[in-house]
Amino acid sequence: MNILFLTQVLPYPLDAGPKVRAYLVLRHLAESGHHVSLVSFIRDDDLPKYVEHLRSYCAEIRTVRMRRSRILDGTALVRALITGQPFLVARDWNPSMAHVIRNLARVQPSPDAVHADQLWMAPYALLARECARAGRRPLTVLDQHNAVFKIPKRLADSETSSWKRALLAREALKLARYERNICGKFDRVVWVTDLDRAALLGQGTDPTALPVSQVVIPIALDLSVNKPVCRRSDAHRVTFIGGLHWPPNARGVLWFQKEVWPQIRSQVPGAVLTIIGRNPLRQRWNGADSSVETTGYLADLTPYLAETAVFVVPLLAGGGMRVKILEAWSWGLPVVSTSIGAEGLDARHRENLCLADDPGSFAASVVEVMKNPELASQLTVGGRQTLESQYGWRGLYRAWDQVYQRAI
């Protein structure tokens, strides 16, 4: 099949969860014999060599630059208020991207299928179907990484400011309506967890009983690349990895640093909280606390992973699956997470990670893992075993063949 593959982020390098998902799905489709054309937004830090790497799997690549600014956000907010669209969707509507999509939908050979990676690309996929030549209606496939409405809803639930809480709750309601409507317009919707599908569509909870149009395919990793690191015997870091521009990450890290970290430091004086991820306002995280280290984005994580005693996922909001836990399992790191952080995974308390949802129990779990080598070893072995048995992409992503074979 000729597949037009649309992504909101360039799916390489594999330094963020959405990139990991999109890259391995695209690669599977290409290696299965499909003719894949990639159309992606790019940012200022997306290098030409990243695009060249993707040419190994793509017959054609088109890119459109994504720009962010307060003026553009303000314009999107006005447009959202006028049209009733969610702000997060209106913000990503780009006339240049729409122009590229219209042209590609009309050329020879026209696409047999249009694959929208994440909700943000859904309007462009529907535009491609609308612009297709007469008699050439392409199949439309939406890969729902998250039930997106859950993110502002959960942020609203924990927001102390009344006006921010009201804005977030309003955005969550608009997103829920929009997502339900969009999912109904696609021929196939693929979810990463059944929890997200049930939360949005309100159906049963048995993914094996889903209709052809609704499929659950979890996120997976390339186990030949993601291998355990050699950790030092004096590992002392409590490590968080994630872009701090993403509100659930920022909220979770602030909660951890304020409510949890002082309790850990009082019991493990030599511990260092290491926060790795893109963040333009680094000083707001570490301040005058010498036990908190913020590195910004790192291309090579190995030196820090080797010194990591515990990998933490202190998320209080979010949806979908946390790729960072899969990666921590792949690196052989013991994990402590909130229940929301581990949502959608086969997470078993004290077998492959520790679960804790309040500051006291979270701190106690981190301290116990740092002081109990037997528990730490149990978690690392259990995590790697879970990853290898359930989340290897070579086996798991064969399910994508059914999505597209049914279309044929």
Protein backbone atom coordinates (compact mmCIF):
# COMPACT_ATOMS: atom_id res chain seq x y z
CA MET A 1 0.00 0.00 0.00
CA ASN A 2 0.98 3.63 -0.50
CA ILE A 3 0.79 5.09 3.03
CA LEU A 4 0.92 8.81 3.78
CA PHE A 5 2.36 8.94 7.32
CA LEU A 6 1.76 12.22 9.22
CA THR A 7 3.64 13.15 12.42
CA GLN A 8 3.60 16.17 14.71
CA VAL A 9 7.23 15.57 15.73
CA LEU A 10 10.03 14.29 13.53
CA PRO A 11 10.27 10.64 14.63
CA TYR A 12 14.04 10.62 15.10
CA PRO A 13 16.23 10.62 17.19
CA LEU A 14 14.44 8.44 19.74
CA ASP A 15 14.64 10.87 22.64
CA ALA A 16 10.93 11.17 23.49
CA GLY A 17 8.02 8.77 23.86
CA PRO A 18 6.00 9.98 20.84
CA LYS A 19 9.09 9.65 18.64
CA VAL A 20 9.72 6.08 19.78
CA ARG A 21 6.15 5.07 18.95
CA ALA A 22 6.02 6.77 15.56
CA TYR A 23 9.48 5.61 14.48
CA LEU A 24 8.94 1.93 15.18
CA VAL A 25 5.45 1.91 13.66
CA LEU A 26 6.77 3.63 10.52
CA ARG A 27 9.70 1.25 10.37
CA HIS A 28 7.46 -1.79 10.75
CA LEU A 29 5.18 -0.64 7.95
CA ALA A 30 8.14 0.05 5.66
CA GLU A 31 9.80 -3.30 6.42
CA SER A 32 6.46 -5.04 5.79
CA GLY A 33 6.59 -3.88 2.17
CA HIS A 34 4.47 -0.75 2.27
CA HIS A 35 5.46 2.38 0.35
CA VAL A 36 5.63 5.00 3.13
CA SER A 37 5.75 8.77 2.51
CA LEU A 38 6.45 10.80 5.65
CA VAL A 39 5.14 14.32 6.20
CA SER A 40 6.29 15.80 9.50
CA PHE A 41 6.58 19.04 11.38
CA ILE A 42 10.17 19.90 12.33
CA ARG A 43 11.68 22.20 14.97
CA ASP A 44 14.84 24.28 15.01
CA ASP A 45 16.84 21.50 16.67
CA ASP A 46 15.88 18.84 14.08
CA LEU A 47 19.09 18.32 12.12
CA PRO A 48 19.35 17.30 8.44
CA LYS A 49 21.05 14.04 9.49
CA TYR A 50 17.88 13.03 11.32
CA VAL A 51 15.86 13.38 8.13
CA GLU A 52 18.52 11.45 6.21
CA HIS A 53 18.27 8.57 8.66
CA LEU A 54 14.51 8.35 8.07
CA ARG A 55 15.06 8.10 4.32
CA SER A 56 16.20 4.52 5.00
CA TYR A 57 12.53 3.65 5.53
CA CYS A 58 10.63 6.34 3.62
CA ALA A 59 10.12 6.61 -0.11
CA GLU A 60 9.58 10.36 0.28
CA ILE A 61 9.86 12.91 3.10
CA ARG A 62 8.28 16.35 3.29
CA THR A 63 8.81 18.64 6.28
CA VAL A 64 7.07 21.78 7.50
CA ARG A 65 8.62 24.00 10.17
CA MET A 66 6.68 24.28 13.41
CA ARG A 67 6.99 27.64 15.12
CA ARG A 68 5.81 28.59 18.60
CA SER A 69 5.36 32.09 20.01
CA ARG A 70 3.02 33.95 22.32
CA ILE A 71 1.57 35.80 19.35
CA LEU A 72 0.82 32.56 17.50
CA ASP A 73 -0.61 31.02 20.66
CA GLY A 74 -2.82 34.09 21.15
CA THR A 75 -4.08 33.82 17.59
CA ALA A 76 -4.82 30.13 18.09
CA LEU A 77 -6.68 30.90 21.32
CA VAL A 78 -8.92 33.41 19.53
CA ARG A 79 -9.54 30.91 16.73
CA ALA A 80 -10.41 28.23 19.29
CA LEU A 81 -12.90 30.53 21.00
CA ILE A 82 -14.56 31.37 17.67
CA THR A 83 -14.69 27.84 16.26
CA GLY A 84 -15.21 25.92 19.48
CA GLN A 85 -12.11 23.84 18.80
CA PRO A 86 -9.79 22.89 21.65
CA PHE A 87 -6.87 25.29 21.94
CA LEU A 88 -4.34 22.44 21.69
CA VAL A 89 -5.76 21.45 18.29
CA ALA A 90 -6.18 24.99 16.96
CA ARG A 91 -2.57 25.78 17.91
CA ASP A 92 -1.24 23.06 15.59
CA TRP A 93 -3.25 24.01 12.51
CA ASN A 94 -0.69 25.25 9.98
CA PRO A 95 -1.64 26.53 6.49
CA SER A 96 1.72 25.39 5.07
CA MET A 97 1.13 21.84 6.28
CA ALA A 98 -2.40 21.91 4.87
CA HIS A 99 -1.01 23.01 1.50
CA VAL A 100 1.48 20.10 1.44
CA ILE A 101 -1.26 17.61 2.36
CA ARG A 102 -3.63 18.85 -0.36
CA ASN A 103 -0.96 18.48 -3.02
CA LEU A 104 0.13 15.01 -1.93
CA ALA A 105 -3.46 13.76 -1.80
CA ARG A 106 -3.91 14.58 -5.48
CA VAL A 107 -0.68 13.30 -7.00
CA GLN A 108 -0.03 9.96 -8.71
CA PRO A 109 0.15 7.44 -7.16
CA SER A 110 -2.41 8.71 -4.67
CA PRO A 111 -2.25 7.29 -1.12
CA ASP A 112 -4.14 4.11 -0.32
CA ALA A 113 -4.04 5.03 3.36
CA VAL A 114 -3.36 8.08 5.51
CA HIS A 115 -1.83 7.41 8.94
CA ALA A 116 -2.24 10.22 11.51
CA ASP A 117 0.21 9.87 14.38
CA GLN A 118 -1.47 11.49 17.42
CA LEU A 119 -4.59 13.61 17.60
CA TRP A 120 -2.81 16.76 16.38
CA MET A 121 -2.44 15.28 12.88
CA ALA A 122 -6.03 14.02 12.61
CA PRO A 123 -7.37 17.15 10.83
CA TYR A 124 -4.66 16.81 8.17
CA ALA A 125 -5.49 13.14 7.58
CA LEU A 126 -9.16 13.98 7.09
CA LEU A 127 -8.13 16.81 4.75
CA ALA A 128 -6.12 14.32 2.67
CA ARG A 129 -9.17 12.07 2.38
CA GLU A 130 -11.33 15.03 1.40
CA CYS A 131 -8.88 16.12 -1.30
CA ALA A 132 -8.28 12.65 -2.76
CA ARG A 133 -9.04 12.15 -6.42
CA ALA A 134 -12.50 10.87 -7.33
CA GLY A 135 -12.82 7.16 -6.70
CA ARG A 136 -9.62 7.03 -4.62
CA ARG A 137 -10.90 7.44 -1.05
CA PRO A 138 -7.93 6.43 1.15
CA LEU A 139 -8.23 4.46 4.36
CA THR A 140 -7.72 6.71 7.41
CA VAL A 141 -5.87 5.40 10.49
CA LEU A 142 -5.46 7.36 13.73
CA ASP A 143 -2.81 6.30 16.26
CA GLN A 144 -4.08 7.63 19.59
CA HIS A 145 -1.03 7.82 21.87
CA ASN A 146 -3.27 9.26 24.60
CA ALA A 147 -6.82 10.05 25.47
CA VAL A 148 -5.70 13.66 25.35
CA PHE A 149 -8.62 15.09 27.32
CA LYS A 150 -7.36 13.26 30.44
CA ILE A 151 -4.28 15.47 30.60
CA PRO A 152 -5.94 18.88 31.20
CA LYS A 153 -8.63 17.14 33.29
CA ARG A 154 -6.07 15.73 35.69
CA LEU A 155 -4.12 18.98 35.73
CA ALA A 156 -7.37 20.75 36.65
CA ASP A 157 -8.06 18.29 39.47
CA SER A 158 -4.79 19.22 41.19
CA GLU A 159 -4.70 22.94 40.29
CA THR A 160 -4.94 25.35 43.24
CA SER A 161 -5.65 28.49 41.18
CA SER A 162 -9.40 28.77 40.57
CA TRP A 163 -9.12 30.50 37.19
CA LYS A 164 -6.48 28.08 35.90
CA ARG A 165 -8.58 25.17 37.12
CA ALA A 166 -11.60 26.53 35.24
CA LEU A 167 -9.62 26.99 32.01
CA LEU A 168 -8.15 23.49 32.22
CA ALA A 169 -11.54 21.92 32.96
CA ARG A 170 -13.07 23.76 29.99
CA GLU A 171 -10.27 22.59 27.70
CA ALA A 172 -10.75 19.00 28.92
CA LEU A 173 -14.47 19.11 28.07
CA LYS A 174 -13.78 20.53 24.61
CA LEU A 175 -11.08 17.96 23.97
CA ALA A 176 -13.31 15.06 25.05
CA ARG A 177 -16.04 16.15 22.61
CA TYR A 178 -13.53 16.74 19.85
CA GLU A 179 -11.75 13.42 20.34
CA ARG A 180 -14.99 11.42 20.31
CA ASN A 181 -16.07 13.19 17.13
CA ILE A 182 -12.68 12.68 15.42
CA CYS A 183 -12.47 9.00 16.34
CA GLY A 184 -15.85 8.48 14.72
CA LYS A 185 -14.55 9.89 11.44
CA PHE A 186 -11.58 7.53 11.09
CA ASP A 187 -11.79 4.07 9.55
CA ARG A 188 -9.35 2.67 12.13
CA VAL A 189 -8.38 4.00 15.57
CA VAL A 190 -5.42 2.38 17.32
CA TRP A 191 -5.00 2.94 21.06
CA VAL A 192 -1.93 2.31 23.18
CA THR A 193 -4.02 1.34 26.24
CA ASP A 194 -7.55 0.08 26.72
CA LEU A 195 -7.86 2.45 29.70
CA ASP A 196 -7.67 5.45 27.37
CA ARG A 197 -10.12 3.97 24.88
CA ALA A 198 -12.65 3.17 27.59
CA ALA A 199 -12.20 6.58 29.24
CA LEU A 200 -13.04 8.39 26.02
CA LEU A 201 -15.58 6.12 24.36
CA GLY A 202 -17.20 4.69 27.48
CA GLN A 203 -17.27 1.13 26.15
CA GLY A 204 -16.38 -2.13 27.88
CA THR A 205 -12.92 -2.95 29.13
CA ASP A 206 -12.15 -6.09 27.14
CA PRO A 207 -9.75 -5.16 24.30
CA THR A 208 -10.13 -8.63 22.74
CA ALA A 209 -13.78 -7.86 22.01
CA LEU A 210 -13.16 -4.61 20.15
CA PRO A 211 -14.56 -4.07 16.63
CA VAL A 212 -12.25 -3.91 13.63
CA SER A 213 -12.29 -0.11 13.79
CA GLN A 214 -10.91 -0.04 17.37
CA VAL A 215 -7.62 -1.80 18.19
CA VAL A 216 -5.23 -1.68 21.17
CA ILE A 217 -1.51 -1.94 20.32
CA PRO A 218 0.77 -0.93 23.24
CA ILE A 219 3.97 1.06 22.82
CA ALA A 220 7.05 -1.13 22.41
CA LEU A 221 10.85 -0.80 22.30
CA ASP A 222 13.62 -2.13 20.09
CA LEU A 223 15.28 -4.54 22.50
CA SER A 224 18.37 -4.83 20.28
CA VAL A 225 19.09 -1.15 20.95
CA ASN A 226 17.76 -0.65 24.47
CA LYS A 227 20.18 -2.65 26.62
CA PRO A 228 21.06 -2.63 30.34
CA VAL A 229 23.73 -0.19 31.48
CA CYS A 230 26.60 -1.11 33.78
CA ARG A 231 25.72 0.67 37.02
CA ARG A 232 28.37 1.77 39.49
CA SER A 233 28.45 0.30 42.98
CA ASP A 234 28.33 3.84 44.42
CA ALA A 235 25.27 4.91 42.39
CA HIS A 236 23.75 7.87 44.22
CA ARG A 237 21.47 9.62 41.75
CA VAL A 238 17.67 9.72 41.89
CA THR A 239 16.95 10.40 38.23
CA PHE A 240 14.02 11.86 36.32
CA ILE A 241 14.04 12.07 32.52
CA GLY A 242 11.49 14.05 30.52
CA GLY A 243 10.93 17.33 28.74
CA LEU A 244 9.95 19.99 31.28
CA HIS A 245 8.06 21.96 28.63
CA TRP A 246 5.35 19.27 28.95
CA PRO A 247 2.99 20.34 31.80
CA PRO A 248 2.50 16.85 33.36
CA ASN A 249 6.29 16.45 33.61
CA ALA A 250 6.77 19.92 35.04
CA ARG A 251 3.97 19.52 37.58
CA GLY A 252 5.21 16.11 38.66
CA VAL A 253 8.84 17.18 39.11
CA LEU A 254 7.87 20.27 41.11
CA TRP A 255 5.71 18.11 43.39
CA PHE A 256 8.55 15.63 43.84
CA GLN A 257 11.15 18.30 44.55
CA LYS A 258 8.98 20.17 47.04
CA GLU A 259 7.12 17.36 48.82
CA VAL A 260 9.21 14.22 48.42
CA TRP A 261 12.85 15.15 47.97
CA PRO A 262 13.45 16.73 51.44
CA GLN A 263 12.32 13.47 53.07
CA ILE A 264 14.75 11.46 50.95
CA ARG A 265 17.67 13.81 51.62
CA SER A 266 17.13 13.64 55.37
CA GLN A 267 17.63 9.85 55.22
CA VAL A 268 20.19 9.62 52.40
CA PRO A 269 22.36 12.76 52.71
CA GLY A 270 24.59 11.88 49.75
CA ALA A 271 21.74 11.45 47.26
CA VAL A 272 21.51 13.79 44.25
CA LEU A 273 18.26 14.51 42.41
CA THR A 274 19.10 14.63 38.70
CA ILE A 275 16.55 16.16 36.32
CA ILE A 276 17.30 15.50 32.65
CA GLY A 277 15.24 17.12 29.90
CA ARG A 278 14.64 20.22 27.86
CA ASN A 279 13.91 23.22 30.05
CA PRO A 280 14.60 26.89 29.25
CA LEU A 281 14.17 28.00 32.90
CA ARG A 282 16.71 25.77 34.60
CA GLN A 283 17.14 27.96 37.65
CA ARG A 284 13.55 27.47 38.79
CA TRP A 285 14.21 23.78 39.37
CA ASN A 286 17.41 23.67 41.41
CA GLY A 287 17.53 27.17 42.92
CA ALA A 288 20.01 27.19 45.80
CA ASP A 289 19.69 23.46 46.54
CA SER A 290 23.06 21.86 45.80
CA SER A 291 21.52 18.37 45.98
CA VAL A 292 19.44 19.04 42.84
CA GLU A 293 21.15 18.93 39.45
CA THR A 294 19.41 19.96 36.23
CA THR A 295 21.29 19.02 33.08
CA GLY A 296 18.98 20.11 30.28
CA TYR A 297 18.76 17.88 27.22
CA LEU A 298 21.49 15.22 26.92
CA ALA A 299 22.26 13.24 23.78
CA ASP A 300 24.24 10.66 25.76
CA LEU A 301 22.61 9.55 29.00
CA THR A 302 25.05 6.74 29.81
CA PRO A 303 27.25 8.48 32.45
CA TYR A 304 24.17 9.53 34.44
CA LEU A 305 22.38 6.20 34.09
CA ALA A 306 25.49 4.44 35.41
CA GLU A 307 25.24 6.54 38.59
CA THR A 308 21.46 6.15 38.99
CA ALA A 309 20.28 4.32 42.09
CA VAL A 310 16.55 4.91 41.48
CA PHE A 311 14.61 6.08 38.44
CA VAL A 312 11.52 8.09 39.42
CA VAL A 313 8.28 8.80 37.53
CA PRO A 314 6.37 11.19 39.85
CA LEU A 315 3.54 12.03 37.45
CA LEU A 316 0.21 13.34 38.72
CA ALA A 317 -1.37 13.79 35.26
CA GLY A 318 -1.07 12.23 31.84
CA GLY A 319 -2.49 9.60 29.54
CA GLY A 320 -1.35 6.71 27.38
CA MET A 321 1.80 4.81 28.38
CA ARG A 322 5.01 6.07 29.90
CA VAL A 323 7.82 5.13 27.53
CA LYS A 324 10.25 6.36 30.20
CA ILE A 325 9.36 3.34 32.37
CA LEU A 326 9.93 0.94 29.47
CA GLU A 327 13.29 2.60 28.88
CA ALA A 328 14.21 2.42 32.57
CA TRP A 329 13.41 -1.31 32.50
CA SER A 330 15.54 -1.67 29.39
CA TRP A 331 18.47 0.09 31.11
CA GLY A 332 18.19 -2.16 34.17
CA LEU A 333 17.19 0.60 36.58
CA PRO A 334 14.85 0.15 39.58
CA VAL A 335 11.76 2.33 39.20
CA VAL A 336 9.50 4.12 41.67
CA SER A 337 6.38 5.62 40.10
CA THR A 338 2.97 7.00 40.91
CA SER A 339 -0.02 4.94 39.78
CA ILE A 340 -0.73 7.48 37.03
CA GLY A 341 2.90 7.30 35.92
CA ALA A 342 2.63 3.52 35.47
CA GLU A 343 -0.81 3.54 33.84
CA GLY A 344 -1.28 1.23 30.89
CA LEU A 345 1.69 -0.97 31.81
CA ASP A 346 1.87 -4.40 33.40
CA ALA A 347 3.08 -2.75 36.61
CA ARG A 348 3.36 -5.05 39.64
CA HIS A 349 4.25 -3.43 42.95
CA ARG A 350 7.58 -4.63 44.34
CA GLU A 351 7.99 -7.06 41.42
CA ASN A 352 8.97 -4.82 38.50
CA LEU A 353 8.61 -1.38 40.16
CA CYS A 354 7.37 0.28 43.31
CA LEU A 355 4.13 2.26 43.28
CA ALA A 356 3.50 5.21 45.60
CA ASP A 357 1.03 8.09 45.36
CA ASP A 358 1.65 10.31 48.37
CA PRO A 359 4.86 12.11 49.39
CA GLY A 360 5.58 9.95 52.42
CA SER A 361 5.20 6.57 50.71
CA PHE A 362 7.04 7.78 47.61
CA ALA A 363 10.00 8.94 49.69
CA ALA A 364 9.97 5.73 51.73
CA SER A 365 10.01 3.62 48.56
CA VAL A 366 12.94 5.53 47.07
CA VAL A 367 14.92 5.27 50.32
CA GLU A 368 14.19 1.56 50.63
CA VAL A 369 15.38 0.85 47.10
CA MET A 370 18.55 2.87 47.71
CA LYS A 371 19.34 1.03 50.93
CA ASN A 372 18.15 -2.47 49.98
CA PRO A 373 20.27 -3.99 47.17
CA GLU A 374 18.12 -7.14 47.15
CA LEU A 375 14.94 -5.17 46.42
CA ALA A 376 16.73 -3.04 43.82
CA SER A 377 17.96 -6.17 42.04
CA GLN A 378 14.50 -7.72 42.17
CA LEU A 379 12.97 -4.66 40.52
CA THR A 380 15.60 -4.46 37.77
CA VAL A 381 15.29 -8.16 36.90
CA GLY A 382 11.51 -8.04 37.03
CA GLY A 383 11.37 -4.92 34.88
CA ARG A 384 13.63 -6.35 32.20
CA GLN A 385 11.70 -9.62 32.15
CA THR A 386 8.41 -7.76 31.75
CA LEU A 387 9.87 -5.69 28.92
CA GLU A 388 11.25 -8.69 27.04
CA SER A 389 8.10 -10.79 27.41
CA GLN A 390 5.53 -8.10 26.56
CA TYR A 391 7.00 -4.98 24.96
CA GLY A 392 9.39 -5.99 22.20
CA TRP A 393 8.38 -4.27 18.97
CA ARG A 394 9.22 -7.12 16.60
CA GLY A 395 6.49 -9.29 18.06
CA LEU A 396 4.00 -6.72 19.28
CA TYR A 397 3.82 -4.62 16.13
CA ARG A 398 2.72 -7.50 13.94
CA ALA A 399 -0.73 -6.36 15.06
CA TRP A 400 -0.31 -3.41 12.70
CA ASP A 401 -0.42 -5.89 9.80
CA GLN A 402 -3.99 -6.73 10.77
CA VAL A 403 -4.95 -3.05 10.81
CA TYR A 404 -3.83 -2.62 7.22
CA GLN A 405 -4.63 -6.11 5.89
CA ARG A 406 -8.24 -5.68 6.91
CA ALA A 407 -8.25 -2.51 4.86
CA ILE A 408 -7.04 -4.38 1.80
